Amino acid sequence: MQVARFSNLNDFPAAMWSFNDTVDRLIAADNQPKPWSPAVDIFETDNELIFQADAPDLHPAHIEIQVENGTLTLKGERSLAKDDRVKGYHRMERSYGAFVRSFNLPETLDAESARADYAEGVLTVTLSKKAVAKARTIKVNLNKEPTLTGQASTT
């Protein structure tokens, strides 16, 4: 299965995530933690497919990443910190709780090469491409005597 490529940030899927987030905020009870799912960018380099998820305030111990049967699954939980000094919230717009995101992976990726890094609130998962998926350049040799298809060379 191919990974969908979007060149315009105003594409339909991004708009749907925004709409879904807005509806969740409207129907959720005031001052209650709201369900969430981190936004994920997926991009490709010559040698890798890279997933970057916005996941601020996540402790690495609360993140689980699985690659199985051609699917990358990101799981995690962001907890609302308890502070005895806080008497109540005037507004609560950040979302908390558990999340799960799954992505179908192309067969051209090497699942054994997967690595994950977390820095400055961004979770980055990198998967290397298999050698068969990498573009290669084929050199054209110049023969002095052309051979015709179907004829054997007499050298």
C-alpha atoms as a PDB file:
ATOM      1  CA  MET A   1       0.000   0.000   0.000  1.00  0.00           C
ATOM      2  CA  GLN A   2       1.293   3.432  -0.905  1.00  0.00           C
ATOM      3  CA  VAL A   3       1.743   6.225   1.629  1.00  0.00           C
ATOM      4  CA  ALA A   4      -0.395   9.171   0.561  1.00  0.00           C
ATOM      5  CA  ARG A   5       1.567  12.302  -0.235  1.00  0.00           C
ATOM      6  CA  PHE A   6       0.075  15.727   0.415  1.00  0.00           C
ATOM      7  CA  SER A   7       1.808  18.795  -0.880  1.00  0.00           C
ATOM      8  CA  ASN A   8      -0.732  21.328   0.380  1.00  0.00           C
ATOM      9  CA  LEU A   9      -1.371  21.744   4.105  1.00  0.00           C
ATOM     10  CA  ASN A  10      -4.987  22.652   3.305  1.00  0.00           C
ATOM     11  CA  ASP A  11      -5.711  19.197   1.902  1.00  0.00           C
ATOM     12  CA  PHE A  12      -8.848  17.415   3.001  1.00  0.00           C
ATOM     13  CA  PRO A  13      -7.279  15.101   5.661  1.00  0.00           C
ATOM     14  CA  ALA A  14      -5.693  18.020   7.515  1.00  0.00           C
ATOM     15  CA  ALA A  15      -8.979  19.900   7.412  1.00  0.00           C
ATOM     16  CA  MET A  16     -10.784  16.844   8.788  1.00  0.00           C
ATOM     17  CA  TRP A  17      -8.402  16.616  11.755  1.00  0.00           C
ATOM     18  CA  SER A  18      -8.990  20.279  12.514  1.00  0.00           C
ATOM     19  CA  PHE A  19     -12.764  19.862  12.214  1.00  0.00           C
ATOM     20  CA  ASN A  20     -12.682  16.773  14.435  1.00  0.00           C
ATOM     21  CA  ASP A  21     -10.661  18.619  17.087  1.00  0.00           C
ATOM     22  CA  THR A  22     -13.081  21.571  17.008  1.00  0.00           C
ATOM     23  CA  VAL A  23     -16.140  19.318  17.396  1.00  0.00           C
ATOM     24  CA  ASP A  24     -14.477  17.414  20.261  1.00  0.00           C
ATOM     25  CA  ARG A  25     -13.854  20.714  22.067  1.00  0.00           C
ATOM     26  CA  LEU A  26     -17.452  21.877  21.552  1.00  0.00           C
ATOM     27  CA  ILE A  27     -19.165  18.742  22.834  1.00  0.00           C
ATOM     28  CA  ALA A  28     -16.780  17.965  25.695  1.00  0.00           C
ATOM     29  CA  ALA A  29     -17.747  19.191  29.146  1.00  0.00           C
ATOM     30  CA  ASP A  30     -16.072  22.427  30.170  1.00  0.00           C
ATOM     31  CA  ASN A  31     -12.877  22.162  32.158  1.00  0.00           C
ATOM     32  CA  GLN A  32     -12.550  18.441  31.518  1.00  0.00           C
ATOM     33  CA  PRO A  33      -9.591  16.800  29.804  1.00  0.00           C
ATOM     34  CA  LYS A  34     -10.367  16.287  26.134  1.00  0.00           C
ATOM     35  CA  PRO A  35      -9.380  13.269  24.035  1.00  0.00           C
ATOM     36  CA  TRP A  36      -6.431  13.850  21.769  1.00  0.00           C
ATOM     37  CA  SER A  37      -4.364  12.411  19.011  1.00  0.00           C
ATOM     38  CA  PRO A  38      -1.018  13.903  18.035  1.00  0.00           C
ATOM     39  CA  ALA A  39      -0.645  15.471  14.606  1.00  0.00           C
ATOM     40  CA  VAL A  40       1.791  13.492  12.454  1.00  0.00           C
ATOM     41  CA  ASP A  41       3.854  14.562   9.448  1.00  0.00           C
ATOM     42  CA  ILE A  42       5.160  11.801   7.181  1.00  0.00           C
ATOM     43  CA  PHE A  43       7.919  12.526   4.694  1.00  0.00           C
ATOM     44  CA  GLU A  44      10.380  10.633   2.586  1.00  0.00           C
ATOM     45  CA  THR A  45      14.079  11.021   1.866  1.00  0.00           C
ATOM     46  CA  ASP A  46      16.219   9.032  -0.565  1.00  0.00           C
ATOM     47  CA  ASN A  47      16.873   6.369   2.079  1.00  0.00           C
ATOM     48  CA  GLU A  48      14.142   6.669   4.728  1.00  0.00           C
ATOM     49  CA  LEU A  49      10.491   7.240   5.570  1.00  0.00           C
ATOM     50  CA  ILE A  50      10.150   9.547   8.576  1.00  0.00           C
ATOM     51  CA  PHE A  51       7.165  10.099  10.889  1.00  0.00           C
ATOM     52  CA  GLN A  52       7.143  13.156  13.155  1.00  0.00           C
ATOM     53  CA  ALA A  53       4.433  13.379  15.815  1.00  0.00           C
ATOM     54  CA  ASP A  54       3.700  16.445  17.937  1.00  0.00           C
ATOM     55  CA  ALA A  55       3.713  14.979  21.422  1.00  0.00           C
ATOM     56  CA  PRO A  56       4.624  17.633  24.004  1.00  0.00           C
ATOM     57  CA  ASP A  57       4.696  16.720  27.681  1.00  0.00           C
ATOM     58  CA  LEU A  58       4.955  12.990  27.016  1.00  0.00           C
ATOM     59  CA  HIS A  59       7.396  11.013  29.097  1.00  0.00           C
ATOM     60  CA  PRO A  60       9.327   8.521  26.921  1.00  0.00           C
ATOM     61  CA  ALA A  61       8.269   5.754  29.319  1.00  0.00           C
ATOM     62  CA  HIS A  62       4.649   6.459  28.306  1.00  0.00           C
ATOM     63  CA  ILE A  63       5.304   5.985  24.569  1.00  0.00           C
ATOM     64  CA  GLU A  64       5.008   2.624  22.817  1.00  0.00           C
ATOM     65  CA  ILE A  65       5.938   2.066  19.183  1.00  0.00           C
ATOM     66  CA  GLN A  66       5.222  -1.154  17.283  1.00  0.00           C
ATOM     67  CA  VAL A  67       5.963  -2.238  13.730  1.00  0.00           C
ATOM     68  CA  GLU A  68       4.042  -5.377  12.861  1.00  0.00           C
ATOM     69  CA  ASN A  69       2.523  -6.834   9.684  1.00  0.00           C
ATOM     70  CA  GLY A  70       3.170  -3.705   7.647  1.00  0.00           C
ATOM     71  CA  THR A  71       1.665  -1.350  10.231  1.00  0.00           C
ATOM     72  CA  LEU A  72       3.349   1.272  12.402  1.00  0.00           C
ATOM     73  CA  THR A  73       1.430   1.898  15.642  1.00  0.00           C
ATOM     74  CA  LEU A  74       2.138   4.797  17.985  1.00  0.00           C
ATOM     75  CA  LYS A  75       0.617   4.611  21.476  1.00  0.00           C
ATOM     76  CA  GLY A  76       1.021   6.955  24.373  1.00  0.00           C
ATOM     77  CA  GLU A  77      -0.564   8.872  27.172  1.00  0.00           C
ATOM     78  CA  ARG A  78      -0.300  12.438  28.373  1.00  0.00           C
ATOM     79  CA  SER A  79      -1.491  12.870  31.935  1.00  0.00           C
ATOM     80  CA  LEU A  80      -2.835  15.987  33.562  1.00  0.00           C
ATOM     81  CA  ALA A  81      -0.342  16.920  36.261  1.00  0.00           C
ATOM     82  CA  LYS A  82      -1.880  17.146  39.723  1.00  0.00           C
ATOM     83  CA  ASP A  83      -0.893  20.229  41.644  1.00  0.00           C
ATOM     84  CA  ASP A  84      -2.276  20.801  45.139  1.00  0.00           C
ATOM     85  CA  ARG A  85      -1.881  24.568  44.673  1.00  0.00           C
ATOM     86  CA  VAL A  86      -4.403  24.590  41.795  1.00  0.00           C
ATOM     87  CA  LYS A  87      -7.911  25.328  43.085  1.00  0.00           C
ATOM     88  CA  GLY A  88      -9.635  25.088  39.713  1.00  0.00           C
ATOM     89  CA  TYR A  89      -9.244  25.851  36.032  1.00  0.00           C
ATOM     90  CA  HIS A  90     -10.658  28.886  34.276  1.00  0.00           C
ATOM     91  CA  ARG A  91     -10.014  27.280  30.910  1.00  0.00           C
ATOM     92  CA  MET A  92      -8.658  23.905  29.825  1.00  0.00           C
ATOM     93  CA  GLU A  93      -7.816  23.709  26.124  1.00  0.00           C
ATOM     94  CA  ARG A  94      -4.955  21.215  26.095  1.00  0.00           C
ATOM     95  CA  SER A  95      -5.914  17.592  25.605  1.00  0.00           C
ATOM     96  CA  TYR A  96      -4.900  14.687  27.823  1.00  0.00           C
ATOM     97  CA  GLY A  97      -5.276  10.956  27.983  1.00  0.00           C
ATOM     98  CA  ALA A  98      -4.285   7.961  25.898  1.00  0.00           C
ATOM     99  CA  PHE A  99      -3.950   7.919  22.134  1.00  0.00           C
ATOM    100  CA  VAL A 100      -3.315   5.363  19.401  1.00  0.00           C
ATOM    101  CA  ARG A 101      -2.322   6.157  15.807  1.00  0.00           C
ATOM    102  CA  SER A 102      -1.708   3.472  13.155  1.00  0.00           C
ATOM    103  CA  PHE A 103      -0.194   3.830   9.695  1.00  0.00           C
ATOM    104  CA  ASN A 104       0.085   1.324   6.857  1.00  0.00           C
ATOM    105  CA  LEU A 105       3.657   0.944   5.676  1.00  0.00           C
ATOM    106  CA  PRO A 106       4.835   0.172   2.156  1.00  0.00           C
ATOM    107  CA  GLU A 107       6.563  -3.190   1.687  1.00  0.00           C
ATOM    108  CA  THR A 108       9.729  -1.370   0.627  1.00  0.00           C
ATOM    109  CA  LEU A 109      10.653  -0.498   4.235  1.00  0.00           C
ATOM    110  CA  ASP A 110      12.909  -2.488   6.544  1.00  0.00           C
ATOM    111  CA  ALA A 111      10.975  -2.878   9.817  1.00  0.00           C
ATOM    112  CA  GLU A 112      14.117  -4.092  11.618  1.00  0.00           C
ATOM    113  CA  SER A 113      15.782  -0.719  11.008  1.00  0.00           C
ATOM    114  CA  ALA A 114      13.116   1.301  12.845  1.00  0.00           C
ATOM    115  CA  ARG A 115      14.394   3.800  15.376  1.00  0.00           C
ATOM    116  CA  ALA A 116      12.658   6.423  17.509  1.00  0.00           C
ATOM    117  CA  ASP A 117      13.857   9.702  18.968  1.00  0.00           C
ATOM    118  CA  TYR A 118      12.079  12.197  21.216  1.00  0.00           C
ATOM    119  CA  ALA A 119      13.261  15.790  21.486  1.00  0.00           C
ATOM    120  CA  GLU A 120      11.570  19.115  22.197  1.00  0.00           C
ATOM    121  CA  GLY A 121       8.100  17.560  22.217  1.00  0.00           C
ATOM    122  CA  VAL A 122       8.454  15.834  18.848  1.00  0.00           C
ATOM    123  CA  LEU A 123       8.521  12.055  18.479  1.00  0.00           C
ATOM    124  CA  THR A 124      10.444  11.032  15.346  1.00  0.00           C
ATOM    125  CA  VAL A 125      10.210   7.474  14.011  1.00  0.00           C
ATOM    126  CA  THR A 126      12.550   6.632  11.141  1.00  0.00           C
ATOM    127  CA  LEU A 127      12.369   3.532   8.939  1.00  0.00           C
ATOM    128  CA  SER A 128      15.025   2.760   6.335  1.00  0.00           C
ATOM    129  CA  LYS A 129      14.141   1.710   2.818  1.00  0.00           C
ATOM    130  CA  LYS A 130      15.176  -1.719   1.596  1.00  0.00           C
ATOM    131  CA  ALA A 131      17.900  -1.745  -1.044  1.00  0.00           C
ATOM    132  CA  VAL A 132      15.375  -2.733  -3.729  1.00  0.00           C
ATOM    133  CA  ALA A 133      13.402   0.458  -3.066  1.00  0.00           C
ATOM    134  CA  LYS A 134      16.308   2.824  -3.507  1.00  0.00           C
ATOM    135  CA  ALA A 135      16.781   4.418  -6.880  1.00  0.00           C
ATOM    136  CA  ARG A 136      19.987   3.482  -8.591  1.00  0.00           C
ATOM    137  CA  THR A 137      21.760   4.820 -11.622  1.00  0.00           C
ATOM    138  CA  ILE A 138      22.774   2.403 -14.358  1.00  0.00           C
ATOM    139  CA  LYS A 139      25.825   3.334 -16.379  1.00  0.00           C
ATOM    140  CA  VAL A 140      25.502   3.017 -20.141  1.00  0.00           C
ATOM    141  CA  ASN A 141      28.588   1.493 -21.737  1.00  0.00           C
ATOM    142  CA  LEU A 142      29.678   2.555 -25.199  1.00  0.00           C
ATOM    143  CA  ASN A 143      30.371  -0.418 -27.490  1.00  0.00           C
ATOM    144  CA  LYS A 144      32.452   0.208 -30.597  1.00  0.00           C
ATOM    145  CA  GLU A 145      30.698  -2.511 -32.549  1.00  0.00           C
ATOM    146  CA  PRO A 146      26.929  -2.588 -32.176  1.00  0.00           C
ATOM    147  CA  THR A 147      25.291  -5.968 -31.823  1.00  0.00           C
ATOM    148  CA  LEU A 148      21.826  -6.617 -33.114  1.00  0.00           C
ATOM    149  CA  THR A 149      19.182  -8.241 -30.970  1.00  0.00           C
ATOM    150  CA  GLY A 150      19.123 -11.977 -31.532  1.00  0.00           C
ATOM    151  CA  GLN A 151      22.632 -12.163 -33.028  1.00  0.00           C
ATOM    152  CA  ALA A 152      25.566 -13.573 -31.163  1.00  0.00           C
ATOM    153  CA  SER A 153      28.772 -11.634 -30.939  1.00  0.00           C
ATOM    154  CA  THR A 154      31.749 -13.249 -32.761  1.00  0.00           C
ATOM    155  CA  THR A 155      34.609 -12.266 -30.524  1.00  0.00           C
END
